[in-house]
C-alpha atoms as a PDB file:
ATOM      1  CA  MET A   1      -3.818   2.331   0.242  1.00  0.00           C
ATOM      2  CA  LEU A   2      -5.122   0.157  -2.466  1.00  0.00           C
ATOM      3  CA  GLY A   3      -5.082  -3.446  -2.804  1.00  0.00           C
ATOM      4  CA  SER A   4      -7.333  -6.704  -2.526  1.00  0.00           C
ATOM      5  CA  PHE A   5      -9.474  -7.892   0.189  1.00  0.00           C
ATOM      6  CA  ALA A   6      -7.504  -9.011   3.207  1.00  0.00           C
ATOM      7  CA  VAL A   7      -4.014  -8.036   2.014  1.00  0.00           C
ATOM      8  CA  GLY A   8      -3.153  -6.106   5.307  1.00  0.00           C
ATOM      9  CA  LYS A   9      -3.818  -2.554   4.272  1.00  0.00           C
ATOM     10  CA  THR A  10      -5.649  -1.697   7.634  1.00  0.00           C
ATOM     11  CA  SER A  11      -3.036  -3.507   9.700  1.00  0.00           C
ATOM     12  CA  LEU A  12      -0.185  -1.643   7.978  1.00  0.00           C
ATOM     13  CA  VAL A  13      -1.819   1.697   8.685  1.00  0.00           C
ATOM     14  CA  ALA A  14      -2.433   0.851  12.293  1.00  0.00           C
ATOM     15  CA  ARG A  15       1.212  -0.523  12.725  1.00  0.00           C
ATOM     16  CA  PHE A  16       2.368   2.846  10.982  1.00  0.00           C
ATOM     17  CA  VAL A  17       0.001   5.249  12.803  1.00  0.00           C
ATOM     18  CA  HIS A  18      -0.565   3.703  16.173  1.00  0.00           C
ATOM     19  CA  SER A  19       2.242   1.131  16.398  1.00  0.00           C
ATOM     20  CA  ILE A  20      -0.112  -1.495  16.962  1.00  0.00           C
ATOM     21  CA  TYR A  21      -0.976  -5.047  15.499  1.00  0.00           C
ATOM     22  CA  ARG A  22      -4.127  -7.161  16.017  1.00  0.00           C
ATOM     23  CA  GLU A  23      -4.449 -10.758  15.251  1.00  0.00           C
ATOM     24  CA  GLN A  24      -8.176 -10.610  14.417  1.00  0.00           C
ATOM     25  CA  TYR A  25      -9.436  -9.578  11.073  1.00  0.00           C
ATOM     26  CA  LEU A  26     -11.597  -6.590  10.792  1.00  0.00           C
ATOM     27  CA  THR A  27     -12.996  -5.826   7.245  1.00  0.00           C
ATOM     28  CA  THR A  28     -12.899  -2.264   6.197  1.00  0.00           C
ATOM     29  CA  VAL A  29     -16.139  -0.738   5.282  1.00  0.00           C
ATOM     30  CA  GLY A  30     -15.808   2.141   2.816  1.00  0.00           C
ATOM     31  CA  VAL A  31     -12.780   4.106   3.903  1.00  0.00           C
ATOM     32  CA  LYS A  32     -11.069   4.710   7.121  1.00  0.00           C
ATOM     33  CA  ILE A  33      -8.796   7.876   7.299  1.00  0.00           C
ATOM     34  CA  ASP A  34      -5.989   8.368   9.471  1.00  0.00           C
ATOM     35  CA  LYS A  35      -3.103  11.161   9.939  1.00  0.00           C
ATOM     36  CA  LYS A  36       0.481  11.001  10.970  1.00  0.00           C
ATOM     37  CA  VAL A  37       3.211  13.448  10.671  1.00  0.00           C
ATOM     38  CA  VAL A  38       6.481  12.356   9.474  1.00  0.00           C
ATOM     39  CA  ARG A  39       9.915  14.040   8.898  1.00  0.00           C
ATOM     40  CA  VAL A  40      11.332  14.197   5.477  1.00  0.00           C
ATOM     41  CA  GLY A  41      14.812  15.982   5.431  1.00  0.00           C
ATOM     42  CA  ASP A  42      14.084  19.063   7.395  1.00  0.00           C
ATOM     43  CA  THR A  43      10.392  19.367   6.634  1.00  0.00           C
ATOM     44  CA  ASP A  44       7.495  17.895   8.332  1.00  0.00           C
ATOM     45  CA  VAL A  45       4.966  16.073   6.211  1.00  0.00           C
ATOM     46  CA  SER A  46       1.374  15.448   7.124  1.00  0.00           C
ATOM     47  CA  LEU A  47       0.305  12.063   5.773  1.00  0.00           C
ATOM     48  CA  ILE A  48      -3.481  11.695   5.310  1.00  0.00           C
ATOM     49  CA  VAL A  49      -3.822   7.896   4.678  1.00  0.00           C
ATOM     50  CA  TRP A  50      -7.155   6.587   3.063  1.00  0.00           C
ATOM     51  CA  ASP A  51      -7.452   3.062   3.615  1.00  0.00           C
ATOM     52  CA  LEU A  52      -9.913   2.043   1.114  1.00  0.00           C
ATOM     53  CA  HIS A  53     -11.894  -1.127   1.568  1.00  0.00           C
ATOM     54  CA  GLY A  54     -10.366  -4.088  -0.588  1.00  0.00           C
ATOM     55  CA  GLU A  55     -12.211  -5.446  -3.565  1.00  0.00           C
ATOM     56  CA  ASP A  56     -11.373  -7.861  -6.363  1.00  0.00           C
ATOM     57  CA  GLU A  57     -13.079  -5.253  -8.721  1.00  0.00           C
ATOM     58  CA  PHE A  58     -11.930  -1.565  -9.050  1.00  0.00           C
ATOM     59  CA  GLN A  59     -15.399   0.306  -8.152  1.00  0.00           C
ATOM     60  CA  LYS A  60     -16.194   3.588 -10.098  1.00  0.00           C
ATOM     61  CA  ILE A  61     -17.006   5.142  -6.760  1.00  0.00           C
ATOM     62  CA  ARG A  62     -13.362   4.850  -5.700  1.00  0.00           C
ATOM     63  CA  SER A  63     -12.324   7.500  -8.384  1.00  0.00           C
ATOM     64  CA  ALA A  64     -13.971  10.048  -6.034  1.00  0.00           C
ATOM     65  CA  TYR A  65     -11.676   8.811  -3.377  1.00  0.00           C
ATOM     66  CA  LEU A  66      -8.635   8.996  -5.565  1.00  0.00           C
ATOM     67  CA  ARG A  67      -9.098  12.510  -6.811  1.00  0.00           C
ATOM     68  CA  GLY A  68      -6.363  14.731  -5.179  1.00  0.00           C
ATOM     69  CA  SER A  69      -4.166  11.888  -4.194  1.00  0.00           C
ATOM     70  CA  SER A  70      -0.575  12.815  -3.910  1.00  0.00           C
ATOM     71  CA  GLY A  71       0.649   9.173  -3.965  1.00  0.00           C
ATOM     72  CA  PHE A  72      -0.405   5.633  -3.467  1.00  0.00           C
ATOM     73  CA  LEU A  73       0.696   2.447  -1.529  1.00  0.00           C
ATOM     74  CA  PHE A  74      -0.528  -0.606  -3.502  1.00  0.00           C
ATOM     75  CA  VAL A  75      -0.522  -3.555  -1.221  1.00  0.00           C
ATOM     76  CA  ALA A  76      -0.258  -7.167  -2.135  1.00  0.00           C
ATOM     77  CA  ASP A  77      -0.358 -10.384  -0.065  1.00  0.00           C
ATOM     78  CA  GLY A  78       2.813 -12.471  -0.611  1.00  0.00           C
ATOM     79  CA  THR A  79       0.831 -15.522   0.198  1.00  0.00           C
ATOM     80  CA  ARG A  80      -1.615 -14.916  -2.616  1.00  0.00           C
ATOM     81  CA  SER A  81       0.023 -14.207  -5.941  1.00  0.00           C
ATOM     82  CA  ALA A  82      -3.257 -12.984  -7.446  1.00  0.00           C
ATOM     83  CA  THR A  83      -3.019  -9.925  -5.317  1.00  0.00           C
ATOM     84  CA  LEU A  84      -0.012  -8.805  -7.080  1.00  0.00           C
ATOM     85  CA  ASP A  85      -1.795  -9.135 -10.314  1.00  0.00           C
ATOM     86  CA  LYS A  86      -4.425  -7.095  -8.769  1.00  0.00           C
ATOM     87  CA  VAL A  87      -1.857  -4.287  -7.771  1.00  0.00           C
ATOM     88  CA  VAL A  88      -1.117  -4.032 -11.642  1.00  0.00           C
ATOM     89  CA  GLU A  89      -4.763  -3.602 -12.472  1.00  0.00           C
ATOM     90  CA  LEU A  90      -5.242  -1.009  -9.462  1.00  0.00           C
ATOM     91  CA  HIS A  91      -2.047   0.876 -10.750  1.00  0.00           C
ATOM     92  CA  ARG A  92      -3.561   1.177 -14.437  1.00  0.00           C
ATOM     93  CA  SER A  93      -6.826   2.334 -12.855  1.00  0.00           C
ATOM     94  CA  ALA A  94      -5.465   4.852 -10.479  1.00  0.00           C
ATOM     95  CA  THR A  95      -3.270   6.196 -13.032  1.00  0.00           C
ATOM     96  CA  GLU A  96      -6.306   6.792 -15.374  1.00  0.00           C
ATOM     97  CA  ALA A  97      -8.281   8.216 -12.463  1.00  0.00           C
ATOM     98  CA  VAL A  98      -5.461  10.798 -11.146  1.00  0.00           C
ATOM     99  CA  GLY A  99      -2.367  10.721 -13.471  1.00  0.00           C
ATOM    100  CA  ASP A 100       1.042   9.753 -12.762  1.00  0.00           C
ATOM    101  CA  VAL A 101       1.607  10.311  -9.051  1.00  0.00           C
ATOM    102  CA  PRO A 102       4.422   8.460  -6.898  1.00  0.00           C
ATOM    103  CA  PHE A 103       3.458   5.041  -5.479  1.00  0.00           C
ATOM    104  CA  VAL A 104       5.169   2.270  -3.784  1.00  0.00           C
ATOM    105  CA  VAL A 105       4.216  -1.653  -3.921  1.00  0.00           C
ATOM    106  CA  LEU A 106       4.040  -3.296  -0.729  1.00  0.00           C
ATOM    107  CA  VAL A 107       4.114  -7.160  -0.592  1.00  0.00           C
ATOM    108  CA  ASN A 108       2.895  -7.589   2.963  1.00  0.00           C
ATOM    109  CA  LYS A 109       3.053 -10.680   5.148  1.00  0.00           C
ATOM    110  CA  ALA A 110       6.877 -11.100   5.176  1.00  0.00           C
ATOM    111  CA  ASP A 111       6.655 -12.886   8.336  1.00  0.00           C
ATOM    112  CA  LEU A 112       4.857 -15.725   6.320  1.00  0.00           C
ATOM    113  CA  GLU A 113       7.578 -15.634   3.780  1.00  0.00           C
ATOM    114  CA  ALA A 114       7.935 -19.396   3.856  1.00  0.00           C
ATOM    115  CA  GLU A 115       4.246 -19.549   2.893  1.00  0.00           C
ATOM    116  CA  TRP A 116       4.589 -17.042   0.028  1.00  0.00           C
ATOM    117  CA  ASP A 117       3.379 -18.094  -3.363  1.00  0.00           C
ATOM    118  CA  VAL A 118       4.341 -14.750  -5.062  1.00  0.00           C
ATOM    119  CA  GLU A 119       7.211 -15.942  -7.376  1.00  0.00           C
ATOM    120  CA  ALA A 120      10.692 -14.014  -7.489  1.00  0.00           C
ATOM    121  CA  GLU A 121      10.016 -13.484 -10.980  1.00  0.00           C
ATOM    122  CA  ALA A 122       6.932 -11.430 -10.525  1.00  0.00           C
ATOM    123  CA  LEU A 123       8.748  -9.227  -8.066  1.00  0.00           C
ATOM    124  CA  GLU A 124      11.631  -8.786 -10.753  1.00  0.00           C
ATOM    125  CA  ALA A 125       9.107  -7.846 -13.393  1.00  0.00           C
ATOM    126  CA  ALA A 126       7.646  -5.204 -11.192  1.00  0.00           C
ATOM    127  CA  ALA A 127      11.165  -3.803 -10.306  1.00  0.00           C
ATOM    128  CA  ALA A 128      11.949  -3.879 -13.962  1.00  0.00           C
ATOM    129  CA  ARG A 129       9.034  -1.523 -14.783  1.00  0.00           C
ATOM    130  CA  GLY A 130      10.795   0.821 -12.400  1.00  0.00           C
ATOM    131  CA  TRP A 131       8.388   0.247  -9.482  1.00  0.00           C
ATOM    132  CA  THR A 132       9.639   0.418  -5.909  1.00  0.00           C
ATOM    133  CA  VAL A 133       8.763  -2.844  -4.194  1.00  0.00           C
ATOM    134  CA  LEU A 134       9.217  -3.458  -0.672  1.00  0.00           C
ATOM    135  CA  ARG A 135       8.539  -6.540   1.554  1.00  0.00           C
ATOM    136  CA  THR A 136       6.422  -5.596   4.715  1.00  0.00           C
ATOM    137  CA  SER A 137       5.015  -7.174   7.752  1.00  0.00           C
ATOM    138  CA  ALA A 138       2.393  -5.627   9.609  1.00  0.00           C
ATOM    139  CA  LYS A 139       2.636  -8.028  12.419  1.00  0.00           C
ATOM    140  CA  THR A 140       6.311  -7.511  12.968  1.00  0.00           C
ATOM    141  CA  GLY A 141       6.661  -4.084  11.689  1.00  0.00           C
ATOM    142  CA  GLN A 142       9.253  -5.005   8.812  1.00  0.00           C
ATOM    143  CA  GLY A 143       9.501  -2.566   6.219  1.00  0.00           C
ATOM    144  CA  VAL A 144       6.308  -0.491   7.506  1.00  0.00           C
ATOM    145  CA  GLU A 145       8.183   2.763   8.443  1.00  0.00           C
ATOM    146  CA  GLU A 146      10.417   2.539   5.360  1.00  0.00           C
ATOM    147  CA  ALA A 147       7.383   2.328   3.103  1.00  0.00           C
ATOM    148  CA  PHE A 148       5.610   5.335   4.533  1.00  0.00           C
ATOM    149  CA  GLN A 149       9.034   7.305   4.468  1.00  0.00           C
ATOM    150  CA  ARG A 150       9.537   6.470   0.943  1.00  0.00           C
ATOM    151  CA  ILE A 151       6.159   7.719  -0.324  1.00  0.00           C
ATOM    152  CA  ALA A 152       6.294  10.677   1.756  1.00  0.00           C
ATOM    153  CA  ALA A 153       9.727  11.591   0.178  1.00  0.00           C
ATOM    154  CA  ALA A 154       8.525  10.796  -3.376  1.00  0.00           C
ATOM    155  CA  MET A 155       5.483  13.139  -2.852  1.00  0.00           C
ATOM    156  CA  THR A 156       7.627  15.960  -1.568  1.00  0.00           C
ATOM    157  CA  GLU A 157      10.127  15.601  -4.469  1.00  0.00           C
ATOM    158  CA  ARG A 158       7.422  16.357  -7.055  1.00  0.00           C
END
């Protein structure tokens, strides 16, 4: 899970792994690792999810966290368009660190869509790049299972 500070990475993981959502914000320090087994076709896939602390600058130390990754979930906050721009930068940095691996872009906080400042054109541009872009809400659960299923399926197809 990669994205700027406070985009909802930890909340998405908590919703996916533990089926919970907490209103209070807890910042991630370093990395938090969770595991959940999902079914892809006839195969059980163990997802080890590394929730990396959000930053506005990609840190060199992160490349150590990224090595060996089979896929990425890049997370943006729909209410802060700059976080989608950061996803583009993080994608470039992650690709340089580990090569071309499957990924899905999540635009989180779909429950606040009336407050979004991410423009439809920006989402269309990401889709035009061939990127899978999903709207998610850690609060309501919208799109969360689908996001993790999509990345698990993409990783097993490789």
